């Protein structure tokens, strides 16, 4: 059985992928390096944001890959911050990555 990629490694590769696509990406909060949940904020630079979080995984999923689902779409930054605060109270080991992209691309399809 293959092990899932460590969160720290995945986030590092994701930030690099975003940068290669011309988007600015940064790690806003570092979580557990081994298996911290990852949340991605896409700032469209027009005062709207999308929030992506871990998708539920089934046993049939590839254990190395990570699935994401859009939790919030085109909402004010305060709405995203409220959701992230709730998630952080639930899981203090989570990661938060912020991507600035005027087109609202999360760059998750390219991973």
C-alpha atoms as a PDB file:
ATOM      1  CA  UNK A   1       0.000   0.000   0.000  1.00  0.00           C
ATOM      2  CA  UNK A   2       1.398   3.406  -0.993  1.00  0.00           C
ATOM      3  CA  UNK A   3       1.539   6.223   1.486  1.00  0.00           C
ATOM      4  CA  UNK A   4      -0.162   9.508   0.810  1.00  0.00           C
ATOM      5  CA  UNK A   5       2.104  12.453   0.013  1.00  0.00           C
ATOM      6  CA  UNK A   6       2.991  14.486   3.080  1.00  0.00           C
ATOM      7  CA  UNK A   7       1.043  17.732   3.349  1.00  0.00           C
ATOM      8  CA  UNK A   8       4.240  19.788   3.486  1.00  0.00           C
ATOM      9  CA  UNK A   9       5.513  18.289   0.230  1.00  0.00           C
ATOM     10  CA  UNK A  10       2.124  18.624  -1.503  1.00  0.00           C
ATOM     11  CA  UNK A  11       1.767  22.284  -0.487  1.00  0.00           C
ATOM     12  CA  UNK A  12       5.281  23.097  -1.658  1.00  0.00           C
ATOM     13  CA  UNK A  13       4.611  21.522  -5.062  1.00  0.00           C
ATOM     14  CA  UNK A  14       1.215  23.234  -5.314  1.00  0.00           C
ATOM     15  CA  UNK A  15       2.645  26.703  -4.594  1.00  0.00           C
ATOM     16  CA  UNK A  16       5.321  26.108  -7.234  1.00  0.00           C
ATOM     17  CA  UNK A  17       2.687  24.951  -9.749  1.00  0.00           C
ATOM     18  CA  UNK A  18       0.629  28.086  -9.177  1.00  0.00           C
ATOM     19  CA  UNK A  19       3.692  30.261  -9.652  1.00  0.00           C
ATOM     20  CA  UNK A  20       4.555  28.503 -12.899  1.00  0.00           C
ATOM     21  CA  UNK A  21       1.022  29.256 -14.114  1.00  0.00           C
ATOM     22  CA  UNK A  22       1.554  32.962 -13.373  1.00  0.00           C
ATOM     23  CA  UNK A  23      -0.453  33.154 -10.141  1.00  0.00           C
ATOM     24  CA  UNK A  24       0.859  34.431  -6.828  1.00  0.00           C
ATOM     25  CA  UNK A  25       0.570  31.810  -4.094  1.00  0.00           C
ATOM     26  CA  UNK A  26       1.696  31.775  -0.487  1.00  0.00           C
ATOM     27  CA  UNK A  27       1.383  29.605   2.578  1.00  0.00           C
ATOM     28  CA  UNK A  28      -0.574  31.618   5.128  1.00  0.00           C
ATOM     29  CA  UNK A  29      -0.677  28.926   7.782  1.00  0.00           C
ATOM     30  CA  UNK A  30       1.574  25.917   8.157  1.00  0.00           C
ATOM     31  CA  UNK A  31      -0.080  22.845   9.557  1.00  0.00           C
ATOM     32  CA  UNK A  32       1.103  19.383  10.440  1.00  0.00           C
ATOM     33  CA  UNK A  33       3.821  18.403   7.989  1.00  0.00           C
ATOM     34  CA  UNK A  34       2.735  14.782   7.738  1.00  0.00           C
ATOM     35  CA  UNK A  35      -1.025  14.859   7.258  1.00  0.00           C
ATOM     36  CA  UNK A  36      -2.534  18.277   7.996  1.00  0.00           C
ATOM     37  CA  UNK A  37      -5.718  19.121   6.101  1.00  0.00           C
ATOM     38  CA  UNK A  38      -5.195  21.700   3.333  1.00  0.00           C
ATOM     39  CA  UNK A  39      -7.516  24.615   2.583  1.00  0.00           C
ATOM     40  CA  UNK A  40      -7.032  26.836  -0.447  1.00  0.00           C
ATOM     41  CA  UNK A  41      -8.317  30.395  -0.704  1.00  0.00           C
ATOM     42  CA  UNK A  42      -8.549  31.779  -4.236  1.00  0.00           C
ATOM     43  CA  UNK A  43      -8.574  35.575  -4.123  1.00  0.00           C
ATOM     44  CA  UNK A  44      -9.968  36.892  -7.408  1.00  0.00           C
ATOM     45  CA  UNK A  45      -8.627  40.374  -6.595  1.00  0.00           C
ATOM     46  CA  UNK A  46     -12.123  41.850  -7.046  1.00  0.00           C
ATOM     47  CA  UNK A  47     -13.182  41.420  -3.396  1.00  0.00           C
ATOM     48  CA  UNK A  48     -14.528  37.922  -4.012  1.00  0.00           C
ATOM     49  CA  UNK A  49     -12.948  34.670  -2.941  1.00  0.00           C
ATOM     50  CA  UNK A  50     -13.439  30.942  -3.336  1.00  0.00           C
ATOM     51  CA  UNK A  51     -12.565  28.411  -0.660  1.00  0.00           C
ATOM     52  CA  UNK A  52     -11.530  24.837  -1.370  1.00  0.00           C
ATOM     53  CA  UNK A  53     -11.165  22.147   1.250  1.00  0.00           C
ATOM     54  CA  UNK A  54     -10.536  18.428   1.447  1.00  0.00           C
ATOM     55  CA  UNK A  55     -13.106  16.320  -0.362  1.00  0.00           C
ATOM     56  CA  UNK A  56     -14.458  13.225   1.301  1.00  0.00           C
ATOM     57  CA  UNK A  57     -12.446  10.226   0.228  1.00  0.00           C
ATOM     58  CA  UNK A  58     -13.686   6.767  -0.491  1.00  0.00           C
ATOM     59  CA  UNK A  59     -11.651   3.620  -0.169  1.00  0.00           C
ATOM     60  CA  UNK A  60     -11.470   3.446  -3.949  1.00  0.00           C
ATOM     61  CA  UNK A  61      -9.621   6.784  -4.181  1.00  0.00           C
ATOM     62  CA  UNK A  62      -5.915   6.831  -4.883  1.00  0.00           C
ATOM     63  CA  UNK A  63      -4.363   7.214  -1.433  1.00  0.00           C
ATOM     64  CA  UNK A  64      -1.492   9.326  -2.794  1.00  0.00           C
ATOM     65  CA  UNK A  65      -3.769  11.914  -4.371  1.00  0.00           C
ATOM     66  CA  UNK A  66      -5.736  14.635  -2.672  1.00  0.00           C
ATOM     67  CA  UNK A  67      -9.235  15.576  -3.661  1.00  0.00           C
ATOM     68  CA  UNK A  68     -10.669  19.042  -3.151  1.00  0.00           C
ATOM     69  CA  UNK A  69     -14.141  20.473  -3.286  1.00  0.00           C
ATOM     70  CA  UNK A  70     -15.249  24.071  -3.520  1.00  0.00           C
ATOM     71  CA  UNK A  71     -16.768  24.981  -0.162  1.00  0.00           C
ATOM     72  CA  UNK A  72     -17.516  28.653  -0.923  1.00  0.00           C
ATOM     73  CA  UNK A  73     -17.734  30.486  -4.229  1.00  0.00           C
ATOM     74  CA  UNK A  74     -17.400  34.202  -5.017  1.00  0.00           C
ATOM     75  CA  UNK A  75     -17.901  35.354  -1.428  1.00  0.00           C
ATOM     76  CA  UNK A  76     -16.524  38.244   0.594  1.00  0.00           C
ATOM     77  CA  UNK A  77     -13.231  37.649   2.377  1.00  0.00           C
ATOM     78  CA  UNK A  78     -14.912  37.938   5.765  1.00  0.00           C
ATOM     79  CA  UNK A  79     -17.094  34.933   4.964  1.00  0.00           C
ATOM     80  CA  UNK A  80     -13.981  32.929   4.100  1.00  0.00           C
ATOM     81  CA  UNK A  81     -12.265  34.045   7.316  1.00  0.00           C
ATOM     82  CA  UNK A  82     -15.259  32.980   9.409  1.00  0.00           C
ATOM     83  CA  UNK A  83     -15.229  29.536   7.798  1.00  0.00           C
ATOM     84  CA  UNK A  84     -11.477  29.159   8.260  1.00  0.00           C
ATOM     85  CA  UNK A  85     -11.758  30.191  11.915  1.00  0.00           C
ATOM     86  CA  UNK A  86     -14.368  27.466  12.419  1.00  0.00           C
ATOM     87  CA  UNK A  87     -12.187  24.892  10.650  1.00  0.00           C
ATOM     88  CA  UNK A  88      -9.154  25.929  12.722  1.00  0.00           C
ATOM     89  CA  UNK A  89     -11.079  25.475  15.976  1.00  0.00           C
ATOM     90  CA  UNK A  90     -11.934  21.962  14.795  1.00  0.00           C
ATOM     91  CA  UNK A  91      -8.439  21.110  13.465  1.00  0.00           C
ATOM     92  CA  UNK A  92      -5.447  23.131  14.650  1.00  0.00           C
ATOM     93  CA  UNK A  93      -3.077  21.256  12.298  1.00  0.00           C
ATOM     94  CA  UNK A  94      -4.561  22.533   9.030  1.00  0.00           C
ATOM     95  CA  UNK A  95      -2.763  24.368   6.254  1.00  0.00           C
ATOM     96  CA  UNK A  96      -4.045  27.518   4.523  1.00  0.00           C
ATOM     97  CA  UNK A  97      -2.734  28.434   1.084  1.00  0.00           C
ATOM     98  CA  UNK A  98      -3.777  31.684  -0.614  1.00  0.00           C
ATOM     99  CA  UNK A  99      -3.725  32.011  -4.401  1.00  0.00           C
ATOM    100  CA  UNK A 100      -4.255  35.344  -6.139  1.00  0.00           C
ATOM    101  CA  UNK A 101      -5.752  34.800  -9.577  1.00  0.00           C
ATOM    102  CA  UNK A 102      -8.008  37.316 -11.359  1.00  0.00           C
ATOM    103  CA  UNK A 103      -9.627  34.481 -13.318  1.00  0.00           C
ATOM    104  CA  UNK A 104     -10.489  32.578 -10.130  1.00  0.00           C
ATOM    105  CA  UNK A 105      -8.444  29.527 -11.084  1.00  0.00           C
ATOM    106  CA  UNK A 106      -7.474  27.215  -8.237  1.00  0.00           C
ATOM    107  CA  UNK A 107      -4.862  25.386 -10.355  1.00  0.00           C
ATOM    108  CA  UNK A 108      -5.947  22.069  -8.865  1.00  0.00           C
ATOM    109  CA  UNK A 109      -6.585  20.387 -12.216  1.00  0.00           C
ATOM    110  CA  UNK A 110      -2.905  20.605 -13.141  1.00  0.00           C
ATOM    111  CA  UNK A 111      -1.639  18.740 -10.076  1.00  0.00           C
END
